[in-house]
Amino acid sequence: MTAPTINHFYVTAVNGSRKHFVAGPYPDHATALDRVEAVRAHADEKDPRAWFMAWGTAGASAIIKTPLGAF
């Protein structure tokens, strides 16, 4: 069995046990990493609780619809 190819990258947020794909997909991991702070700041403008979430990135082999798209 081979591992799936990860070719879609996302900005993610974790709030306790809840995990969210917030923005993306982006074409590569570096682009997703570059967008984390801007996405977090935008989310914080909409909902101040976003400041307290853990922000990062994740990859997937399929496209996942996100609230902000490729913001």
N, C-alpha and C. Protein backbone atom coordinates (compact mmCIF):
# COMPACT_ATOMS: atom_id res chain seq x y z
N MET A 1 0.84 -1.17 0.00
CA MET A 1 0.00 0.00 0.00
C MET A 1 0.89 1.24 0.00
N THR A 2 0.58 2.20 -0.85
CA THR A 2 1.37 3.43 -0.92
C THR A 2 0.61 4.57 -0.26
N ALA A 3 1.35 5.50 0.25
CA ALA A 3 0.75 6.67 0.88
C ALA A 3 0.16 7.58 -0.19
N PRO A 4 -0.94 8.27 0.12
CA PRO A 4 -1.53 9.18 -0.86
C PRO A 4 -0.60 10.36 -1.12
N THR A 5 -0.67 10.89 -2.32
CA THR A 5 0.11 12.07 -2.67
C THR A 5 -0.56 13.30 -2.09
N ILE A 6 0.19 14.06 -1.31
CA ILE A 6 -0.32 15.30 -0.73
C ILE A 6 0.02 16.42 -1.70
N ASN A 7 -1.01 17.00 -2.33
CA ASN A 7 -0.74 18.05 -3.31
C ASN A 7 -1.66 19.26 -3.15
N HIS A 8 -2.38 19.33 -2.02
CA HIS A 8 -3.21 20.49 -1.69
C HIS A 8 -2.87 20.87 -0.26
N PHE A 9 -2.63 22.17 -0.03
CA PHE A 9 -2.18 22.61 1.28
C PHE A 9 -3.11 23.70 1.82
N TYR A 10 -3.28 23.72 3.14
CA TYR A 10 -4.29 24.55 3.78
C TYR A 10 -3.76 25.23 5.03
N VAL A 11 -4.36 26.38 5.37
CA VAL A 11 -4.16 27.00 6.68
C VAL A 11 -5.24 26.41 7.57
N THR A 12 -4.83 25.97 8.75
CA THR A 12 -5.74 25.30 9.67
C THR A 12 -5.76 25.99 11.03
N ALA A 13 -6.82 25.73 11.78
CA ALA A 13 -6.93 26.23 13.15
C ALA A 13 -7.45 25.10 14.02
N VAL A 14 -6.93 25.03 15.24
CA VAL A 14 -7.38 24.04 16.21
C VAL A 14 -7.91 24.79 17.42
N ASN A 15 -9.12 24.45 17.81
CA ASN A 15 -9.77 25.05 18.96
C ASN A 15 -10.23 23.92 19.87
N GLY A 16 -9.40 23.58 20.84
CA GLY A 16 -9.69 22.43 21.70
C GLY A 16 -9.68 21.15 20.86
N SER A 17 -10.77 20.42 20.86
CA SER A 17 -10.85 19.19 20.07
C SER A 17 -11.35 19.44 18.66
N ARG A 18 -11.69 20.69 18.33
CA ARG A 18 -12.22 21.02 17.02
C ARG A 18 -11.09 21.46 16.09
N LYS A 19 -11.07 20.87 14.90
CA LYS A 19 -10.05 21.18 13.89
C LYS A 19 -10.74 21.76 12.66
N HIS A 20 -10.16 22.84 12.12
CA HIS A 20 -10.79 23.55 11.01
C HIS A 20 -9.80 23.77 9.86
N PHE A 21 -10.21 23.47 8.67
CA PHE A 21 -9.50 23.88 7.47
C PHE A 21 -10.08 25.25 7.14
N VAL A 22 -9.29 26.32 7.26
CA VAL A 22 -9.81 27.68 7.17
C VAL A 22 -9.59 28.30 5.80
N ALA A 23 -8.44 28.09 5.20
CA ALA A 23 -8.14 28.71 3.91
C ALA A 23 -7.33 27.75 3.04
N GLY A 24 -7.50 27.89 1.75
CA GLY A 24 -6.80 27.05 0.79
C GLY A 24 -7.80 26.44 -0.18
N PRO A 25 -7.37 25.63 -1.07
CA PRO A 25 -6.03 25.04 -1.13
C PRO A 25 -5.00 25.96 -1.77
N TYR A 26 -3.77 25.74 -1.38
CA TYR A 26 -2.62 26.42 -1.96
C TYR A 26 -1.79 25.37 -2.68
N PRO A 27 -0.99 25.81 -3.66
CA PRO A 27 -0.27 24.84 -4.50
C PRO A 27 0.90 24.13 -3.82
N ASP A 28 1.42 24.73 -2.73
CA ASP A 28 2.55 24.10 -2.05
C ASP A 28 2.55 24.50 -0.57
N HIS A 29 3.30 23.75 0.21
CA HIS A 29 3.33 23.97 1.65
C HIS A 29 3.91 25.34 2.00
N ALA A 30 4.91 25.79 1.28
CA ALA A 30 5.52 27.08 1.57
C ALA A 30 4.50 28.21 1.44
N THR A 31 3.65 28.15 0.45
CA THR A 31 2.62 29.18 0.27
C THR A 31 1.64 29.15 1.43
N ALA A 32 1.22 27.96 1.84
CA ALA A 32 0.31 27.86 2.99
C ALA A 32 0.97 28.43 4.24
N LEU A 33 2.23 28.11 4.47
CA LEU A 33 2.95 28.66 5.63
C LEU A 33 3.00 30.18 5.57
N ASP A 34 3.23 30.73 4.39
CA ASP A 34 3.30 32.19 4.22
C ASP A 34 1.96 32.87 4.51
N ARG A 35 0.86 32.17 4.37
CA ARG A 35 -0.48 32.75 4.53
C ARG A 35 -1.03 32.62 5.95
N VAL A 36 -0.40 31.85 6.82
CA VAL A 36 -0.95 31.59 8.16
C VAL A 36 -1.26 32.89 8.90
N GLU A 37 -0.33 33.80 9.00
CA GLU A 37 -0.54 35.01 9.79
C GLU A 37 -1.64 35.88 9.20
N ALA A 38 -1.68 36.05 7.89
CA ALA A 38 -2.73 36.87 7.26
C ALA A 38 -4.11 36.25 7.47
N VAL A 39 -4.21 34.94 7.35
CA VAL A 39 -5.48 34.26 7.56
C VAL A 39 -5.90 34.38 9.03
N ARG A 40 -4.97 34.19 9.94
CA ARG A 40 -5.29 34.33 11.36
C ARG A 40 -5.77 35.74 11.68
N ALA A 41 -5.10 36.75 11.15
CA ALA A 41 -5.49 38.15 11.39
C ALA A 41 -6.88 38.42 10.82
N HIS A 42 -7.15 37.92 9.64
CA HIS A 42 -8.48 38.11 9.03
C HIS A 42 -9.55 37.41 9.86
N ALA A 43 -9.28 36.21 10.30
CA ALA A 43 -10.24 35.48 11.12
C ALA A 43 -10.48 36.21 12.44
N ASP A 44 -9.44 36.78 13.01
CA ASP A 44 -9.56 37.51 14.27
C ASP A 44 -10.44 38.75 14.11
N GLU A 45 -10.40 39.39 12.95
CA GLU A 45 -11.28 40.53 12.69
C GLU A 45 -12.75 40.11 12.70
N LYS A 46 -13.03 38.91 12.24
CA LYS A 46 -14.40 38.41 12.16
C LYS A 46 -14.87 37.81 13.49
N ASP A 47 -13.94 37.19 14.21
CA ASP A 47 -14.28 36.52 15.47
C ASP A 47 -13.06 36.56 16.39
N PRO A 48 -13.08 37.40 17.42
CA PRO A 48 -11.91 37.55 18.30
C PRO A 48 -11.45 36.26 18.97
N ARG A 49 -12.29 35.24 19.02
CA ARG A 49 -11.86 33.95 19.59
C ARG A 49 -10.75 33.31 18.76
N ALA A 50 -10.63 33.72 17.50
CA ALA A 50 -9.61 33.15 16.61
C ALA A 50 -8.21 33.36 17.16
N TRP A 51 -8.01 34.45 17.90
CA TRP A 51 -6.69 34.74 18.45
C TRP A 51 -6.19 33.61 19.35
N PHE A 52 -7.10 32.91 20.01
CA PHE A 52 -6.74 31.89 20.99
C PHE A 52 -6.61 30.49 20.39
N MET A 53 -6.85 30.37 19.10
CA MET A 53 -6.74 29.07 18.45
C MET A 53 -5.28 28.81 18.06
N ALA A 54 -4.94 27.56 17.88
CA ALA A 54 -3.61 27.18 17.39
C ALA A 54 -3.67 27.16 15.86
N TRP A 55 -2.80 27.92 15.22
CA TRP A 55 -2.82 28.06 13.76
C TRP A 55 -1.63 27.34 13.15
N GLY A 56 -1.86 26.74 11.99
CA GLY A 56 -0.80 26.03 11.30
C GLY A 56 -1.23 25.64 9.91
N THR A 57 -0.67 24.55 9.41
CA THR A 57 -0.97 24.09 8.06
C THR A 57 -1.23 22.59 8.06
N ALA A 58 -1.86 22.16 6.99
CA ALA A 58 -2.09 20.73 6.78
C ALA A 58 -2.14 20.49 5.28
N GLY A 59 -1.91 19.25 4.91
CA GLY A 59 -1.98 18.86 3.51
C GLY A 59 -2.99 17.77 3.31
N ALA A 60 -3.50 17.66 2.08
CA ALA A 60 -4.48 16.62 1.75
C ALA A 60 -4.29 16.19 0.31
N SER A 61 -4.75 15.00 0.01
CA SER A 61 -4.66 14.51 -1.36
C SER A 61 -5.87 14.94 -2.19
N ALA A 62 -6.93 15.40 -1.54
CA ALA A 62 -8.13 15.85 -2.24
C ALA A 62 -8.40 17.31 -1.88
N ILE A 63 -9.13 17.99 -2.72
CA ILE A 63 -9.49 19.38 -2.44
C ILE A 63 -10.57 19.40 -1.36
N ILE A 64 -10.36 20.27 -0.38
CA ILE A 64 -11.31 20.46 0.71
C ILE A 64 -11.82 21.90 0.61
N LYS A 65 -13.14 22.07 0.64
CA LYS A 65 -13.72 23.41 0.59
C LYS A 65 -13.47 24.11 1.93
N THR A 66 -13.00 25.35 1.89
CA THR A 66 -12.70 26.11 3.10
C THR A 66 -13.52 27.40 3.13
N PRO A 67 -13.78 27.95 4.31
CA PRO A 67 -14.57 29.18 4.40
C PRO A 67 -13.95 30.37 3.67
N LEU A 68 -12.62 30.46 3.66
CA LEU A 68 -11.98 31.62 3.04
C LEU A 68 -11.41 31.33 1.66
N GLY A 69 -11.49 30.10 1.19
CA GLY A 69 -10.89 29.78 -0.11
C GLY A 69 -9.41 30.07 -0.07
N ALA A 70 -8.84 30.41 -1.19
CA ALA A 70 -7.39 30.71 -1.26
C ALA A 70 -7.15 32.18 -0.92
N PHE A 71 -7.63 32.60 0.24
CA PHE A 71 -7.52 33.98 0.73
C PHE A 71 -6.07 34.42 0.73
